[in-house]
Amino acid sequence: MTRPALTTLSDLTRAGLADPAAEPVLARVAETFRIRISPAMQEAMETPDDPVGRQFVPDAAELTIRPEERTDPIGDRAHSPAPGLTHRYPDRVILHVTQTCDVYCRFCFRRETVGAAGPLPAPELAAALDYIAATPAVREVILTGGDPLTLSARRLGALLGRLAGIAHVSVTRLHSRGPVVAPERITPALIAALRAHPATYLVVHINHAQELTPAARAALARLAEAGIPLLSQTVLLRGINDDPATLEELFRSLVALRVKPYYLHHCDLARGTGHFRTTLAEGQVIMAALRGRLSGLALPTYVLDIPGGHGKVPIGPDYLVRDGAGWQVTDPAGHHHRYDDPAR
């Protein structure tokens, strides 16, 4: 019998994931951000303090709000031409198709909105699709939320079919935790829905190799075998994956499963998430170490979403320093080499 999702403090206490003595404090945390731990992640979790548990079990540290933290850290609302739509870059839009997730990550940059509602209401979805159809510059539509794979296969297939009917939309992209945290969702019907648009990419959110349960591995295999291009995104999280060996294991595992590591995100300035954030310098050191260990196939781009909605930028380590008319180049082992540009 499949165990149910854990959605309350009482559920966590009964499962041995919360100390009853801490319930008064954790109740204040739960008022701020919802709890949901899927059956698959309960299976993956060994203790509430392990790399999986820390992602989903509430912590009193979430009550500490730092001055720089924001309710909308990446500025979704600053670039919203219609409800449920973010148009930050000329050639692509984000369509927030639902506010529901199978799990609620404690570091979520949309923690102020996810879980507050279900699918985008039909009139708002229609207005968003009308905007996309009327904006020829939009070549790519990114479905997010919430998690788009919480939609039924019928609803998702219909939406992707609508997007396929817009001539200038050449690519759709879905960002989802689903194949890892709810692998049972990856059914033949869902895979058929994902193929409704001829160029649909699935970006799987995963932060630690411990999340790759046998069921998750099988779900990713079903997607890969169906020809769905798979990428991954990971958030750099203090105490969970903030060392080269942990990330190397994750990225090698993903490549072996036919998933290309795409982004390593610096943890955003969402309220109550300071205990998860590394410094930028720490992230750069980790990336420099990974550059010496992994091929380009397994190496994601380390990025920062500039607070306030100013866009995403790569923040990898600096390998080049200007030296007169040329450059000093640092190799992965830390040695320096001279490079001269062509004479003009």
C-alpha atoms as a PDB file:
ATOM      1  CA  MET A   1       0.000   0.000   0.000  1.00  0.00           C
ATOM      2  CA  THR A   2       1.385   3.425  -0.966  1.00  0.00           C
ATOM      3  CA  ARG A   3       1.983   5.682   1.994  1.00  0.00           C
ATOM      4  CA  PRO A   4       0.277   9.102   1.934  1.00  0.00           C
ATOM      5  CA  ALA A   5       2.016  12.430   1.536  1.00  0.00           C
ATOM      6  CA  LEU A   6       2.948  14.172   4.793  1.00  0.00           C
ATOM      7  CA  THR A   7       1.217  17.565   4.922  1.00  0.00           C
ATOM      8  CA  THR A   8       0.954  18.545   8.606  1.00  0.00           C
ATOM      9  CA  LEU A   9       3.171  18.789  11.669  1.00  0.00           C
ATOM     10  CA  SER A  10       1.185  15.954  13.204  1.00  0.00           C
ATOM     11  CA  ASP A  11       2.065  13.812  10.178  1.00  0.00           C
ATOM     12  CA  LEU A  12       5.753  14.629  10.649  1.00  0.00           C
ATOM     13  CA  THR A  13       5.625  13.829  14.358  1.00  0.00           C
ATOM     14  CA  ARG A  14       3.936  10.470  13.755  1.00  0.00           C
ATOM     15  CA  ALA A  15       6.561   9.678  11.113  1.00  0.00           C
ATOM     16  CA  GLY A  16       9.374  10.520  13.541  1.00  0.00           C
ATOM     17  CA  LEU A  17      10.495  13.528  11.498  1.00  0.00           C
ATOM     18  CA  ALA A  18       9.614  16.241  14.026  1.00  0.00           C
ATOM     19  CA  ASP A  19      10.195  16.575  17.748  1.00  0.00           C
ATOM     20  CA  PRO A  20       6.853  17.040  19.564  1.00  0.00           C
ATOM     21  CA  ALA A  21       8.566  19.550  21.864  1.00  0.00           C
ATOM     22  CA  ALA A  22       9.362  21.725  18.835  1.00  0.00           C
ATOM     23  CA  GLU A  23       5.779  21.810  17.543  1.00  0.00           C
ATOM     24  CA  PRO A  24       4.909  25.312  18.866  1.00  0.00           C
ATOM     25  CA  VAL A  25       7.842  26.844  16.975  1.00  0.00           C
ATOM     26  CA  LEU A  26       7.392  24.704  13.875  1.00  0.00           C
ATOM     27  CA  ALA A  27       3.697  25.624  13.809  1.00  0.00           C
ATOM     28  CA  ARG A  28       4.775  29.221  13.181  1.00  0.00           C
ATOM     29  CA  VAL A  29       6.995  27.978  10.327  1.00  0.00           C
ATOM     30  CA  ALA A  30       4.117  25.988   8.833  1.00  0.00           C
ATOM     31  CA  GLU A  31       1.902  29.094   8.909  1.00  0.00           C
ATOM     32  CA  THR A  32       4.445  30.825   6.669  1.00  0.00           C
ATOM     33  CA  PHE A  33       5.110  27.995   4.207  1.00  0.00           C
ATOM     34  CA  ARG A  34       3.176  24.791   3.632  1.00  0.00           C
ATOM     35  CA  ILE A  35       4.421  21.268   4.279  1.00  0.00           C
ATOM     36  CA  ARG A  36       4.285  18.452   1.745  1.00  0.00           C
ATOM     37  CA  ILE A  37       6.619  15.462   1.522  1.00  0.00           C
ATOM     38  CA  SER A  38       5.757  12.929  -1.159  1.00  0.00           C
ATOM     39  CA  PRO A  39       5.858   9.167  -0.549  1.00  0.00           C
ATOM     40  CA  ALA A  40       8.921   8.875  -2.803  1.00  0.00           C
ATOM     41  CA  MET A  41      10.894  11.411  -0.773  1.00  0.00           C
ATOM     42  CA  GLN A  42       9.832   9.758   2.471  1.00  0.00           C
ATOM     43  CA  GLU A  43      11.378   6.593   1.065  1.00  0.00           C
ATOM     44  CA  ALA A  44      14.563   8.422   0.065  1.00  0.00           C
ATOM     45  CA  MET A  45      14.907  10.119   3.457  1.00  0.00           C
ATOM     46  CA  GLU A  46      16.812   8.347   6.221  1.00  0.00           C
ATOM     47  CA  THR A  47      16.649  11.086   8.878  1.00  0.00           C
ATOM     48  CA  PRO A  48      15.175  14.603   9.008  1.00  0.00           C
ATOM     49  CA  ASP A  49      18.748  15.954   9.049  1.00  0.00           C
ATOM     50  CA  ASP A  50      20.051  14.079   6.018  1.00  0.00           C
ATOM     51  CA  PRO A  51      20.450  15.718   2.565  1.00  0.00           C
ATOM     52  CA  VAL A  52      16.879  14.836   1.585  1.00  0.00           C
ATOM     53  CA  GLY A  53      15.247  15.580   4.934  1.00  0.00           C
ATOM     54  CA  ARG A  54      16.744  19.057   5.185  1.00  0.00           C
ATOM     55  CA  GLN A  55      15.114  19.997   1.889  1.00  0.00           C
ATOM     56  CA  PHE A  56      11.563  19.226   3.024  1.00  0.00           C
ATOM     57  CA  VAL A  57      11.284  19.093   6.835  1.00  0.00           C
ATOM     58  CA  PRO A  58      10.519  22.541   8.320  1.00  0.00           C
ATOM     59  CA  ASP A  59      13.157  24.187  10.494  1.00  0.00           C
ATOM     60  CA  ALA A  60      12.923  26.967  13.062  1.00  0.00           C
ATOM     61  CA  ALA A  61      15.686  28.776  11.121  1.00  0.00           C
ATOM     62  CA  GLU A  62      13.024  29.693   8.551  1.00  0.00           C
ATOM     63  CA  LEU A  63      11.656  32.230  11.027  1.00  0.00           C
ATOM     64  CA  THR A  64      14.837  34.304  10.662  1.00  0.00           C
ATOM     65  CA  ILE A  65      14.150  36.863   7.931  1.00  0.00           C
ATOM     66  CA  ARG A  66      17.225  38.745   6.761  1.00  0.00           C
ATOM     67  CA  PRO A  67      17.024  42.347   5.519  1.00  0.00           C
ATOM     68  CA  GLU A  68      18.084  41.447   1.976  1.00  0.00           C
ATOM     69  CA  GLU A  69      15.460  38.709   1.572  1.00  0.00           C
ATOM     70  CA  ARG A  70      12.372  39.307  -0.571  1.00  0.00           C
ATOM     71  CA  THR A  71       8.881  37.946  -1.145  1.00  0.00           C
ATOM     72  CA  ASP A  72       9.539  37.917  -4.919  1.00  0.00           C
ATOM     73  CA  PRO A  73      13.303  37.439  -5.098  1.00  0.00           C
ATOM     74  CA  ILE A  74      13.684  37.043  -8.868  1.00  0.00           C
ATOM     75  CA  GLY A  75      11.080  39.658  -9.819  1.00  0.00           C
ATOM     76  CA  ASP A  76       8.391  37.488 -11.419  1.00  0.00           C
ATOM     77  CA  ARG A  77       5.756  40.145 -10.804  1.00  0.00           C
ATOM     78  CA  ALA A  78       7.913  42.945 -12.220  1.00  0.00           C
ATOM     79  CA  HIS A  79       7.711  41.365 -15.687  1.00  0.00           C
ATOM     80  CA  SER A  80       4.150  40.035 -15.759  1.00  0.00           C
ATOM     81  CA  PRO A  81       2.124  41.220 -18.771  1.00  0.00           C
ATOM     82  CA  ALA A  82      -0.790  38.924 -17.849  1.00  0.00           C
ATOM     83  CA  PRO A  83      -1.760  36.804 -14.821  1.00  0.00           C
ATOM     84  CA  GLY A  84       0.349  33.662 -14.683  1.00  0.00           C
ATOM     85  CA  LEU A  85       2.882  34.947 -17.200  1.00  0.00           C
ATOM     86  CA  THR A  86       6.429  36.299 -16.806  1.00  0.00           C
ATOM     87  CA  HIS A  87       8.147  37.880 -19.833  1.00  0.00           C
ATOM     88  CA  ARG A  88      11.656  38.808 -18.695  1.00  0.00           C
ATOM     89  CA  TYR A  89      13.673  37.958 -21.829  1.00  0.00           C
ATOM     90  CA  PRO A  90      12.604  38.891 -25.387  1.00  0.00           C
ATOM     91  CA  ASP A  91      12.482  35.364 -26.824  1.00  0.00           C
ATOM     92  CA  ARG A  92      10.883  33.375 -23.984  1.00  0.00           C
ATOM     93  CA  VAL A  93       8.162  33.515 -21.374  1.00  0.00           C
ATOM     94  CA  ILE A  94       7.419  31.632 -18.185  1.00  0.00           C
ATOM     95  CA  LEU A  95       3.877  30.302 -17.882  1.00  0.00           C
ATOM     96  CA  HIS A  96       2.913  29.509 -14.288  1.00  0.00           C
ATOM     97  CA  VAL A  97       0.379  26.795 -15.088  1.00  0.00           C
ATOM     98  CA  THR A  98      -0.300  25.768 -11.484  1.00  0.00           C
ATOM     99  CA  GLN A  99       0.664  26.654  -7.921  1.00  0.00           C
ATOM    100  CA  THR A 100       0.602  23.010  -6.775  1.00  0.00           C
ATOM    101  CA  CYS A 101       3.688  20.842  -6.140  1.00  0.00           C
ATOM    102  CA  ASP A 102       4.187  17.244  -5.020  1.00  0.00           C
ATOM    103  CA  VAL A 103       6.680  18.521  -2.418  1.00  0.00           C
ATOM    104  CA  TYR A 104       7.310  21.930  -0.889  1.00  0.00           C
ATOM    105  CA  CYS A 105      11.035  22.634  -0.763  1.00  0.00           C
ATOM    106  CA  ARG A 106      11.994  24.727   2.264  1.00  0.00           C
ATOM    107  CA  PHE A 107      14.302  26.931   0.134  1.00  0.00           C
ATOM    108  CA  CYS A 108      11.735  27.591  -2.622  1.00  0.00           C
ATOM    109  CA  PHE A 109      12.083  31.023  -4.245  1.00  0.00           C
ATOM    110  CA  ARG A 110       8.305  31.049  -4.843  1.00  0.00           C
ATOM    111  CA  ARG A 111       7.433  29.964  -1.301  1.00  0.00           C
ATOM    112  CA  GLU A 112       5.146  32.988  -0.911  1.00  0.00           C
ATOM    113  CA  THR A 113       2.826  31.717  -3.674  1.00  0.00           C
ATOM    114  CA  VAL A 114       3.155  27.974  -4.263  1.00  0.00           C
ATOM    115  CA  GLY A 115       0.483  25.875  -2.631  1.00  0.00           C
ATOM    116  CA  ALA A 116      -1.937  28.802  -2.496  1.00  0.00           C
ATOM    117  CA  ALA A 117      -3.974  27.582  -5.477  1.00  0.00           C
ATOM    118  CA  GLY A 118      -4.237  24.874  -8.110  1.00  0.00           C
ATOM    119  CA  PRO A 119      -4.125  25.208 -11.896  1.00  0.00           C
ATOM    120  CA  LEU A 120      -4.218  28.641 -13.503  1.00  0.00           C
ATOM    121  CA  PRO A 121      -7.930  29.481 -14.017  1.00  0.00           C
ATOM    122  CA  ALA A 122      -9.176  29.001 -17.583  1.00  0.00           C
ATOM    123  CA  PRO A 123      -9.774  32.734 -18.330  1.00  0.00           C
ATOM    124  CA  GLU A 124      -6.258  33.628 -17.142  1.00  0.00           C
ATOM    125  CA  LEU A 125      -4.701  30.759 -19.099  1.00  0.00           C
ATOM    126  CA  ALA A 126      -6.580  31.924 -22.209  1.00  0.00           C
ATOM    127  CA  ALA A 127      -5.297  35.486 -21.727  1.00  0.00           C
ATOM    128  CA  ALA A 128      -1.726  34.208 -21.327  1.00  0.00           C
ATOM    129  CA  LEU A 129      -1.985  32.108 -24.498  1.00  0.00           C
ATOM    130  CA  ASP A 130      -3.457  35.079 -26.367  1.00  0.00           C
ATOM    131  CA  TYR A 131      -0.461  37.185 -25.299  1.00  0.00           C
ATOM    132  CA  ILE A 132       1.963  34.504 -26.491  1.00  0.00           C
ATOM    133  CA  ALA A 133       0.151  34.159 -29.813  1.00  0.00           C
ATOM    134  CA  ALA A 134       0.225  37.939 -30.304  1.00  0.00           C
ATOM    135  CA  THR A 135       3.957  38.263 -29.510  1.00  0.00           C
ATOM    136  CA  PRO A 136       6.048  36.843 -32.389  1.00  0.00           C
ATOM    137  CA  ALA A 137       9.317  37.454 -30.521  1.00  0.00           C
ATOM    138  CA  VAL A 138       8.403  34.625 -28.126  1.00  0.00           C
ATOM    139  CA  ARG A 139      10.092  31.470 -29.427  1.00  0.00           C
ATOM    140  CA  GLU A 140      10.169  29.431 -26.205  1.00  0.00           C
ATOM    141  CA  VAL A 141       7.522  28.852 -23.525  1.00  0.00           C
ATOM    142  CA  ILE A 142       8.643  27.550 -20.121  1.00  0.00           C
ATOM    143  CA  LEU A 143       5.959  25.807 -18.076  1.00  0.00           C
ATOM    144  CA  THR A 144       6.477  26.075 -14.344  1.00  0.00           C
ATOM    145  CA  GLY A 145       4.474  26.939 -11.267  1.00  0.00           C
ATOM    146  CA  GLY A 146       4.231  25.065  -8.958  1.00  0.00           C
ATOM    147  CA  ASP A 147       4.992  21.939 -10.902  1.00  0.00           C
ATOM    148  CA  PRO A 148       3.465  21.450 -14.354  1.00  0.00           C
ATOM    149  CA  LEU A 149       3.620  17.654 -14.027  1.00  0.00           C
ATOM    150  CA  THR A 150       0.986  17.815 -11.274  1.00  0.00           C
ATOM    151  CA  LEU A 151      -1.501  18.583 -14.069  1.00  0.00           C
ATOM    152  CA  SER A 152      -3.402  15.661 -15.542  1.00  0.00           C
ATOM    153  CA  ALA A 153      -2.013  14.168 -18.738  1.00  0.00           C
ATOM    154  CA  ARG A 154      -5.170  15.321 -20.528  1.00  0.00           C
ATOM    155  CA  ARG A 155      -4.820  18.937 -19.382  1.00  0.00           C
ATOM    156  CA  LEU A 156      -1.082  19.051 -20.033  1.00  0.00           C
ATOM    157  CA  GLY A 157      -1.429  17.501 -23.484  1.00  0.00           C
ATOM    158  CA  ALA A 158      -4.132  19.998 -24.416  1.00  0.00           C
ATOM    159  CA  LEU A 159      -1.934  22.909 -23.314  1.00  0.00           C
ATOM    160  CA  LEU A 160       1.123  21.650 -25.202  1.00  0.00           C
ATOM    161  CA  GLY A 161      -1.080  21.093 -28.235  1.00  0.00           C
ATOM    162  CA  ARG A 162      -2.259  24.705 -28.045  1.00  0.00           C
ATOM    163  CA  LEU A 163       1.334  25.916 -27.885  1.00  0.00           C
ATOM    164  CA  ALA A 164       2.280  23.682 -30.828  1.00  0.00           C
ATOM    165  CA  GLY A 165      -0.381  25.511 -32.826  1.00  0.00           C
ATOM    166  CA  ILE A 166       1.369  28.879 -32.361  1.00  0.00           C
ATOM    167  CA  ALA A 167       3.727  29.065 -35.339  1.00  0.00           C
ATOM    168  CA  HIS A 168       6.473  31.146 -33.702  1.00  0.00           C
ATOM    169  CA  VAL A 169       6.722  28.956 -30.555  1.00  0.00           C
ATOM    170  CA  SER A 170       9.437  26.511 -31.587  1.00  0.00           C
ATOM    171  CA  VAL A 171      10.319  25.082 -28.156  1.00  0.00           C
ATOM    172  CA  THR A 172       8.493  24.279 -24.940  1.00  0.00           C
ATOM    173  CA  ARG A 173      10.282  23.572 -21.719  1.00  0.00           C
ATOM    174  CA  LEU A 174       8.879  22.122 -18.495  1.00  0.00           C
ATOM    175  CA  HIS A 175      10.629  22.520 -15.149  1.00  0.00           C
ATOM    176  CA  SER A 176       9.592  19.792 -12.736  1.00  0.00           C
ATOM    177  CA  ARG A 177      10.479  17.841  -9.625  1.00  0.00           C
ATOM    178  CA  GLY A 178       8.012  15.169 -10.738  1.00  0.00           C
ATOM    179  CA  PRO A 179      10.234  12.393 -12.151  1.00  0.00           C
ATOM    180  CA  VAL A 180      12.200  12.331  -8.880  1.00  0.00           C
ATOM    181  CA  VAL A 181       9.694  13.195  -6.147  1.00  0.00           C
ATOM    182  CA  ALA A 182       6.629  11.547  -7.749  1.00  0.00           C
ATOM    183  CA  PRO A 183       7.974   9.042 -10.300  1.00  0.00           C
ATOM    184  CA  GLU A 184       4.611   7.285 -10.473  1.00  0.00           C
ATOM    185  CA  ARG A 185       3.366  10.269 -12.490  1.00  0.00           C
ATOM    186  CA  ILE A 186       5.563   9.290 -15.444  1.00  0.00           C
ATOM    187  CA  THR A 187       2.924   7.140 -17.120  1.00  0.00           C
ATOM    188  CA  PRO A 188       2.474   6.312 -20.823  1.00  0.00           C
ATOM    189  CA  ALA A 189      -0.341   8.887 -20.920  1.00  0.00           C
ATOM    190  CA  LEU A 190       1.906  11.604 -19.506  1.00  0.00           C
ATOM    191  CA  ILE A 191       4.728  10.756 -21.897  1.00  0.00           C
ATOM    192  CA  ALA A 192       2.262  10.940 -24.801  1.00  0.00           C
ATOM    193  CA  ALA A 193       1.170  14.372 -23.544  1.00  0.00           C
ATOM    194  CA  LEU A 194       4.764  15.587 -23.443  1.00  0.00           C
ATOM    195  CA  ARG A 195       5.099  14.674 -27.104  1.00  0.00           C
ATOM    196  CA  ALA A 196       2.193  16.941 -28.114  1.00  0.00           C
ATOM    197  CA  HIS A 197       4.706  19.673 -28.949  1.00  0.00           C
ATOM    198  CA  PRO A 198       7.484  18.449 -31.289  1.00  0.00           C
ATOM    199  CA  ALA A 199      10.294  20.132 -29.299  1.00  0.00           C
ATOM    200  CA  THR A 200       9.531  19.653 -25.619  1.00  0.00           C
ATOM    201  CA  TYR A 201      12.400  19.621 -23.132  1.00  0.00           C
ATOM    202  CA  LEU A 202      12.018  18.491 -19.526  1.00  0.00           C
ATOM    203  CA  VAL A 203      14.271  20.098 -16.904  1.00  0.00           C
ATOM    204  CA  VAL A 204      14.350  17.941 -13.780  1.00  0.00           C
ATOM    205  CA  HIS A 205      14.983  19.635 -10.428  1.00  0.00           C
ATOM    206  CA  ILE A 206      17.240  17.471  -8.232  1.00  0.00           C
ATOM    207  CA  ASN A 207      19.787  18.481  -5.582  1.00  0.00           C
ATOM    208  CA  HIS A 208      21.399  15.298  -4.267  1.00  0.00           C
ATOM    209  CA  ALA A 209      22.130  11.796  -5.563  1.00  0.00           C
ATOM    210  CA  GLN A 210      20.212  10.357  -2.591  1.00  0.00           C
ATOM    211  CA  GLU A 211      17.020  11.518  -4.344  1.00  0.00           C
ATOM    212  CA  LEU A 212      17.688   9.057  -7.176  1.00  0.00           C
ATOM    213  CA  THR A 213      15.618   6.174  -5.856  1.00  0.00           C
ATOM    214  CA  PRO A 214      15.131   3.081  -8.054  1.00  0.00           C
ATOM    215  CA  ALA A 215      11.686   4.445  -8.978  1.00  0.00           C
ATOM    216  CA  ALA A 216      13.162   7.818  -9.971  1.00  0.00           C
ATOM    217  CA  ARG A 217      15.821   6.149 -12.093  1.00  0.00           C
ATOM    218  CA  ALA A 218      13.136   4.072 -13.822  1.00  0.00           C
ATOM    219  CA  ALA A 219      11.000   7.159 -14.461  1.00  0.00           C
ATOM    220  CA  LEU A 220      13.928   9.010 -16.036  1.00  0.00           C
ATOM    221  CA  ALA A 221      14.662   5.957 -18.173  1.00  0.00           C
ATOM    222  CA  ARG A 222      11.060   5.897 -19.434  1.00  0.00           C
ATOM    223  CA  LEU A 223      11.327   9.550 -20.451  1.00  0.00           C
ATOM    224  CA  ALA A 224      14.706   9.113 -22.134  1.00  0.00           C
ATOM    225  CA  GLU A 225      13.552   6.033 -24.017  1.00  0.00           C
ATOM    226  CA  ALA A 226      10.525   7.988 -25.249  1.00  0.00           C
ATOM    227  CA  GLY A 227      12.866  10.568 -26.784  1.00  0.00           C
ATOM    228  CA  ILE A 228      12.118  13.418 -24.363  1.00  0.00           C
ATOM    229  CA  PRO A 229      15.304  15.548 -24.052  1.00  0.00           C
ATOM    230  CA  LEU A 230      16.241  15.720 -20.369  1.00  0.00           C
ATOM    231  CA  LEU A 231      18.185  18.457 -18.562  1.00  0.00           C
ATOM    232  CA  SER A 232      18.601  19.090 -14.848  1.00  0.00           C
ATOM    233  CA  GLN A 233      18.697  22.046 -12.507  1.00  0.00           C
ATOM    234  CA  THR A 234      20.170  22.023  -9.020  1.00  0.00           C
ATOM    235  CA  VAL A 235      20.220  24.605  -6.234  1.00  0.00           C
ATOM    236  CA  LEU A 236      23.478  25.057  -4.327  1.00  0.00           C
ATOM    237  CA  LEU A 237      22.451  24.471  -0.702  1.00  0.00           C
ATOM    238  CA  ARG A 238      24.563  24.846   2.419  1.00  0.00           C
ATOM    239  CA  GLY A 239      24.825  21.590   4.357  1.00  0.00           C
ATOM    240  CA  ILE A 240      23.206  19.576   1.551  1.00  0.00           C
ATOM    241  CA  ASN A 241      25.368  19.709  -1.573  1.00  0.00           C
ATOM    242  CA  ASP A 242      27.921  22.495  -1.019  1.00  0.00           C
ATOM    243  CA  ASP A 243      31.047  20.473  -1.734  1.00  0.00           C
ATOM    244  CA  PRO A 244      32.601  19.239  -4.983  1.00  0.00           C
ATOM    245  CA  ALA A 245      32.394  15.518  -4.164  1.00  0.00           C
ATOM    246  CA  THR A 246      28.641  15.621  -3.524  1.00  0.00           C
ATOM    247  CA  LEU A 247      27.892  17.544  -6.707  1.00  0.00           C
ATOM    248  CA  GLU A 248      30.281  15.397  -8.730  1.00  0.00           C
ATOM    249  CA  GLU A 249      28.387  12.276  -7.652  1.00  0.00           C
ATOM    250  CA  LEU A 250      25.061  13.875  -8.559  1.00  0.00           C
ATOM    251  CA  PHE A 251      26.149  15.148 -11.976  1.00  0.00           C
ATOM    252  CA  ARG A 252      27.880  11.879 -12.920  1.00  0.00           C
ATOM    253  CA  SER A 253      24.770   9.953 -11.904  1.00  0.00           C
ATOM    254  CA  LEU A 254      22.548  12.213 -14.002  1.00  0.00           C
ATOM    255  CA  VAL A 255      24.695  11.921 -17.125  1.00  0.00           C
ATOM    256  CA  ALA A 256      24.638   8.130 -16.773  1.00  0.00           C
ATOM    257  CA  LEU A 257      20.823   8.388 -16.730  1.00  0.00           C
ATOM    258  CA  ARG A 258      20.887  10.509 -19.943  1.00  0.00           C
ATOM    259  CA  VAL A 259      20.147  13.768 -18.124  1.00  0.00           C
ATOM    260  CA  LYS A 260      22.370  16.750 -19.004  1.00  0.00           C
ATOM    261  CA  PRO A 261      23.201  18.960 -15.980  1.00  0.00           C
ATOM    262  CA  TYR A 262      22.014  22.399 -17.103  1.00  0.00           C
ATOM    263  CA  TYR A 263      21.974  24.903 -14.238  1.00  0.00           C
ATOM    264  CA  LEU A 264      23.446  25.078 -10.768  1.00  0.00           C
ATOM    265  CA  HIS A 265      21.486  27.926  -9.181  1.00  0.00           C
ATOM    266  CA  HIS A 266      22.849  30.093  -6.415  1.00  0.00           C
ATOM    267  CA  CYS A 267      20.168  29.977  -3.720  1.00  0.00           C
ATOM    268  CA  ASP A 268      17.779  32.912  -4.172  1.00  0.00           C
ATOM    269  CA  LEU A 269      16.970  35.572  -1.574  1.00  0.00           C
ATOM    270  CA  ALA A 270      13.599  34.107  -0.580  1.00  0.00           C
ATOM    271  CA  ARG A 271      12.489  35.009   2.929  1.00  0.00           C
ATOM    272  CA  GLY A 272      13.626  32.622   5.630  1.00  0.00           C
ATOM    273  CA  THR A 273      16.183  30.776   3.518  1.00  0.00           C
ATOM    274  CA  GLY A 274      19.451  32.319   4.708  1.00  0.00           C
ATOM    275  CA  HIS A 275      20.578  29.106   6.413  1.00  0.00           C
ATOM    276  CA  PHE A 276      20.613  27.414   2.987  1.00  0.00           C
ATOM    277  CA  ARG A 277      22.732  30.014   1.180  1.00  0.00           C
ATOM    278  CA  THR A 278      26.444  29.791   0.544  1.00  0.00           C
ATOM    279  CA  THR A 279      28.482  32.824  -0.439  1.00  0.00           C
ATOM    280  CA  LEU A 280      29.128  33.473  -4.118  1.00  0.00           C
ATOM    281  CA  ALA A 281      32.855  32.973  -3.514  1.00  0.00           C
ATOM    282  CA  GLU A 282      32.212  29.525  -2.003  1.00  0.00           C
ATOM    283  CA  GLY A 283      30.182  28.591  -5.055  1.00  0.00           C
ATOM    284  CA  GLN A 284      32.939  29.739  -7.383  1.00  0.00           C
ATOM    285  CA  VAL A 285      35.499  27.603  -5.545  1.00  0.00           C
ATOM    286  CA  ILE A 286      33.222  24.568  -5.868  1.00  0.00           C
ATOM    287  CA  MET A 287      32.771  25.188  -9.591  1.00  0.00           C
ATOM    288  CA  ALA A 288      36.511  25.558 -10.114  1.00  0.00           C
ATOM    289  CA  ALA A 289      37.036  22.171  -8.457  1.00  0.00           C
ATOM    290  CA  LEU A 290      34.324  20.575 -10.582  1.00  0.00           C
ATOM    291  CA  ARG A 291      35.866  22.001 -13.763  1.00  0.00           C
ATOM    292  CA  GLY A 292      38.965  19.916 -13.002  1.00  0.00           C
ATOM    293  CA  ARG A 293      36.947  16.760 -12.307  1.00  0.00           C
ATOM    294  CA  LEU A 294      34.104  16.648 -14.833  1.00  0.00           C
ATOM    295  CA  SER A 295      33.755  16.835 -18.591  1.00  0.00           C
ATOM    296  CA  GLY A 296      31.663  19.587 -20.133  1.00  0.00           C
ATOM    297  CA  LEU A 297      28.852  17.065 -20.595  1.00  0.00           C
ATOM    298  CA  ALA A 298      28.484  16.719 -16.820  1.00  0.00           C
ATOM    299  CA  LEU A 299      29.181  20.333 -15.855  1.00  0.00           C
ATOM    300  CA  PRO A 300      26.249  22.756 -15.427  1.00  0.00           C
ATOM    301  CA  THR A 301      26.422  26.536 -15.624  1.00  0.00           C
ATOM    302  CA  TYR A 302      26.529  28.181 -12.181  1.00  0.00           C
ATOM    303  CA  VAL A 303      24.078  31.080 -12.271  1.00  0.00           C
ATOM    304  CA  LEU A 304      22.665  33.881 -10.156  1.00  0.00           C
ATOM    305  CA  ASP A 305      19.202  35.331 -10.676  1.00  0.00           C
ATOM    306  CA  ILE A 306      19.863  39.006  -9.957  1.00  0.00           C
ATOM    307  CA  PRO A 307      17.386  40.094  -7.251  1.00  0.00           C
ATOM    308  CA  GLY A 308      14.562  42.296  -8.466  1.00  0.00           C
ATOM    309  CA  GLY A 309      14.035  40.683 -11.855  1.00  0.00           C
ATOM    310  CA  HIS A 310      17.177  41.845 -13.682  1.00  0.00           C
ATOM    311  CA  GLY A 311      17.922  38.461 -15.221  1.00  0.00           C
ATOM    312  CA  LYS A 312      20.121  35.436 -14.837  1.00  0.00           C
ATOM    313  CA  VAL A 313      23.917  35.638 -15.200  1.00  0.00           C
ATOM    314  CA  PRO A 314      26.697  33.022 -15.059  1.00  0.00           C
ATOM    315  CA  ILE A 315      28.976  33.411 -12.048  1.00  0.00           C
ATOM    316  CA  GLY A 316      31.572  30.743 -12.631  1.00  0.00           C
ATOM    317  CA  PRO A 317      35.174  31.262 -11.501  1.00  0.00           C
ATOM    318  CA  ASP A 318      37.309  33.778 -13.371  1.00  0.00           C
ATOM    319  CA  TYR A 319      39.978  32.093 -15.474  1.00  0.00           C
ATOM    320  CA  LEU A 320      41.217  35.197 -17.316  1.00  0.00           C
ATOM    321  CA  VAL A 321      43.007  38.272 -15.960  1.00  0.00           C
ATOM    322  CA  ARG A 322      44.186  41.068 -18.265  1.00  0.00           C
ATOM    323  CA  ASP A 323      47.987  41.324 -18.360  1.00  0.00           C
ATOM    324  CA  GLY A 324      49.184  44.238 -20.504  1.00  0.00           C
ATOM    325  CA  ALA A 325      48.270  43.471 -24.098  1.00  0.00           C
ATOM    326  CA  GLY A 326      47.482  39.822 -23.278  1.00  0.00           C
ATOM    327  CA  TRP A 327      46.037  37.607 -20.579  1.00  0.00           C
ATOM    328  CA  GLN A 328      46.983  35.353 -17.712  1.00  0.00           C
ATOM    329  CA  VAL A 329      44.882  32.178 -17.900  1.00  0.00           C
ATOM    330  CA  THR A 330      44.364  29.867 -14.907  1.00  0.00           C
ATOM    331  CA  ASP A 331      44.035  26.156 -15.693  1.00  0.00           C
ATOM    332  CA  PRO A 332      41.924  23.695 -13.620  1.00  0.00           C
ATOM    333  CA  ALA A 333      44.970  22.813 -11.516  1.00  0.00           C
ATOM    334  CA  GLY A 334      45.472  26.465 -10.531  1.00  0.00           C
ATOM    335  CA  HIS A 335      48.528  27.109 -12.718  1.00  0.00           C
ATOM    336  CA  HIS A 336      48.861  30.331 -14.740  1.00  0.00           C
ATOM    337  CA  HIS A 337      49.644  30.620 -18.446  1.00  0.00           C
ATOM    338  CA  ARG A 338      50.218  33.509 -20.825  1.00  0.00           C
ATOM    339  CA  TYR A 339      47.857  34.028 -23.760  1.00  0.00           C
ATOM    340  CA  ASP A 340      48.156  36.800 -26.383  1.00  0.00           C
ATOM    341  CA  ASP A 341      45.351  37.984 -28.643  1.00  0.00           C
ATOM    342  CA  PRO A 342      46.065  38.401 -32.388  1.00  0.00           C
ATOM    343  CA  ALA A 343      47.751  41.686 -33.283  1.00  0.00           C
ATOM    344  CA  ARG A 344      45.430  44.200 -34.932  1.00  0.00           C
END
